[in-house]
N, C-alpha and C. Protein backbone atom coordinates (compact mmCIF):
# COMPACT_ATOMS: atom_id res chain seq x y z
N MET A 1 -31.19 -6.56 7.55
CA MET A 1 -30.06 -6.30 6.68
C MET A 1 -29.89 -7.44 5.68
N ASN A 2 -29.35 -7.11 4.56
CA ASN A 2 -29.10 -8.09 3.51
C ASN A 2 -27.94 -9.01 3.93
N ILE A 3 -28.13 -10.32 3.79
CA ILE A 3 -27.11 -11.29 4.21
C ILE A 3 -25.85 -11.16 3.34
N GLY A 4 -25.99 -10.84 2.06
CA GLY A 4 -24.82 -10.68 1.19
C GLY A 4 -23.97 -9.49 1.60
N LEU A 5 -24.63 -8.38 1.95
CA LEU A 5 -23.90 -7.19 2.38
C LEU A 5 -23.19 -7.45 3.70
N LEU A 6 -23.86 -8.14 4.59
CA LEU A 6 -23.24 -8.48 5.88
C LEU A 6 -22.02 -9.38 5.69
N LEU A 7 -22.13 -10.32 4.77
CA LEU A 7 -21.00 -11.22 4.48
C LEU A 7 -19.82 -10.45 3.90
N ILE A 8 -20.09 -9.52 3.00
CA ILE A 8 -19.02 -8.70 2.41
C ILE A 8 -18.37 -7.84 3.49
N MET A 9 -19.17 -7.31 4.41
CA MET A 9 -18.61 -6.49 5.49
C MET A 9 -17.71 -7.32 6.40
N ILE A 10 -18.10 -8.52 6.70
CA ILE A 10 -17.29 -9.38 7.57
C ILE A 10 -15.98 -9.77 6.89
N ILE A 11 -16.06 -10.13 5.61
CA ILE A 11 -14.85 -10.52 4.88
C ILE A 11 -13.90 -9.33 4.74
N GLY A 12 -14.44 -8.17 4.41
CA GLY A 12 -13.61 -6.97 4.29
C GLY A 12 -12.97 -6.57 5.60
N GLY A 13 -13.73 -6.66 6.68
CA GLY A 13 -13.18 -6.34 8.01
C GLY A 13 -12.08 -7.31 8.41
N ALA A 14 -12.28 -8.59 8.11
CA ALA A 14 -11.26 -9.59 8.44
C ALA A 14 -9.99 -9.36 7.63
N ALA A 15 -10.14 -9.00 6.35
CA ALA A 15 -8.96 -8.74 5.51
C ALA A 15 -8.19 -7.54 6.03
N GLY A 16 -8.89 -6.49 6.41
CA GLY A 16 -8.23 -5.32 6.98
C GLY A 16 -7.54 -5.62 8.29
N LEU A 17 -8.19 -6.40 9.13
CA LEU A 17 -7.60 -6.76 10.42
C LEU A 17 -6.34 -7.60 10.24
N LEU A 18 -6.40 -8.57 9.34
CA LEU A 18 -5.23 -9.43 9.13
C LEU A 18 -4.06 -8.66 8.54
N SER A 19 -4.32 -7.76 7.60
CA SER A 19 -3.21 -7.00 7.02
C SER A 19 -2.61 -6.05 8.05
N THR A 20 -3.45 -5.47 8.91
CA THR A 20 -2.93 -4.60 9.97
C THR A 20 -2.09 -5.39 10.97
N LEU A 21 -2.56 -6.55 11.36
CA LEU A 21 -1.79 -7.39 12.29
C LEU A 21 -0.45 -7.80 11.67
N PHE A 22 -0.45 -8.12 10.39
CA PHE A 22 0.80 -8.49 9.72
C PHE A 22 1.81 -7.35 9.77
N LEU A 23 1.35 -6.13 9.48
CA LEU A 23 2.26 -4.99 9.51
C LEU A 23 2.76 -4.70 10.92
N VAL A 24 1.88 -4.80 11.90
CA VAL A 24 2.25 -4.50 13.29
C VAL A 24 3.28 -5.51 13.80
N ILE A 25 3.19 -6.75 13.36
CA ILE A 25 4.12 -7.79 13.83
C ILE A 25 5.41 -7.79 13.00
N SER A 26 5.31 -7.61 11.69
CA SER A 26 6.49 -7.78 10.85
C SER A 26 7.46 -6.60 10.93
N LEU A 27 6.97 -5.38 11.08
CA LEU A 27 7.88 -4.24 11.12
C LEU A 27 8.84 -4.30 12.31
N PRO A 28 8.37 -4.50 13.55
CA PRO A 28 9.33 -4.64 14.65
C PRO A 28 10.24 -5.87 14.50
N ALA A 29 9.71 -6.95 13.90
CA ALA A 29 10.53 -8.15 13.72
C ALA A 29 11.69 -7.87 12.78
N VAL A 30 11.46 -7.14 11.71
CA VAL A 30 12.53 -6.81 10.76
C VAL A 30 13.56 -5.89 11.43
N ILE A 31 13.09 -4.92 12.19
CA ILE A 31 14.02 -4.00 12.86
C ILE A 31 14.88 -4.75 13.88
N ILE A 32 14.26 -5.62 14.65
CA ILE A 32 15.02 -6.43 15.63
C ILE A 32 16.02 -7.33 14.92
N TRP A 33 15.60 -7.95 13.81
CA TRP A 33 16.49 -8.83 13.05
C TRP A 33 17.69 -8.06 12.51
N LYS A 34 17.47 -6.84 12.01
CA LYS A 34 18.57 -6.03 11.49
C LYS A 34 19.56 -5.66 12.60
N PHE A 35 19.06 -5.29 13.77
CA PHE A 35 19.97 -4.98 14.88
C PHE A 35 20.71 -6.23 15.35
N TYR A 36 20.05 -7.38 15.35
CA TYR A 36 20.70 -8.63 15.72
C TYR A 36 21.86 -8.95 14.77
N ARG A 37 21.60 -8.81 13.45
CA ARG A 37 22.67 -9.05 12.47
C ARG A 37 23.78 -8.03 12.61
N ARG A 38 23.43 -6.79 12.94
CA ARG A 38 24.43 -5.74 13.11
C ARG A 38 25.36 -6.07 14.27
N ILE A 39 24.80 -6.55 15.36
CA ILE A 39 25.59 -6.86 16.55
C ILE A 39 26.42 -8.11 16.36
N THR A 40 25.83 -9.18 15.81
CA THR A 40 26.53 -10.45 15.73
C THR A 40 27.49 -10.56 14.55
N LYS A 41 27.10 -10.02 13.38
CA LYS A 41 27.90 -10.24 12.18
C LYS A 41 28.47 -8.98 11.59
N LYS A 42 28.25 -7.84 12.24
CA LYS A 42 28.76 -6.54 11.80
C LYS A 42 28.28 -6.18 10.39
N ILE A 43 27.07 -6.58 10.05
CA ILE A 43 26.46 -6.23 8.76
C ILE A 43 25.79 -4.87 8.93
N PRO A 44 25.98 -3.95 7.98
CA PRO A 44 25.36 -2.63 8.11
C PRO A 44 23.83 -2.71 8.15
N LEU A 45 23.19 -1.77 8.81
CA LEU A 45 21.74 -1.76 8.92
C LEU A 45 21.06 -1.54 7.59
N THR A 46 21.73 -0.86 6.68
CA THR A 46 21.10 -0.51 5.41
C THR A 46 21.21 -1.60 4.36
N MET A 47 21.78 -2.73 4.70
CA MET A 47 21.92 -3.81 3.73
C MET A 47 20.83 -4.82 3.87
């Protein structure tokens, strides 16, 4: 296999993996943070 193609595949796979991990971690964190603010400070969820 061509070393350049292999390098592009590894970089592309890593970029996809990192963006997926970011979404998987950040979405529940935002939801938990909104419920925390709702409970402690009575701020609406939609704000």
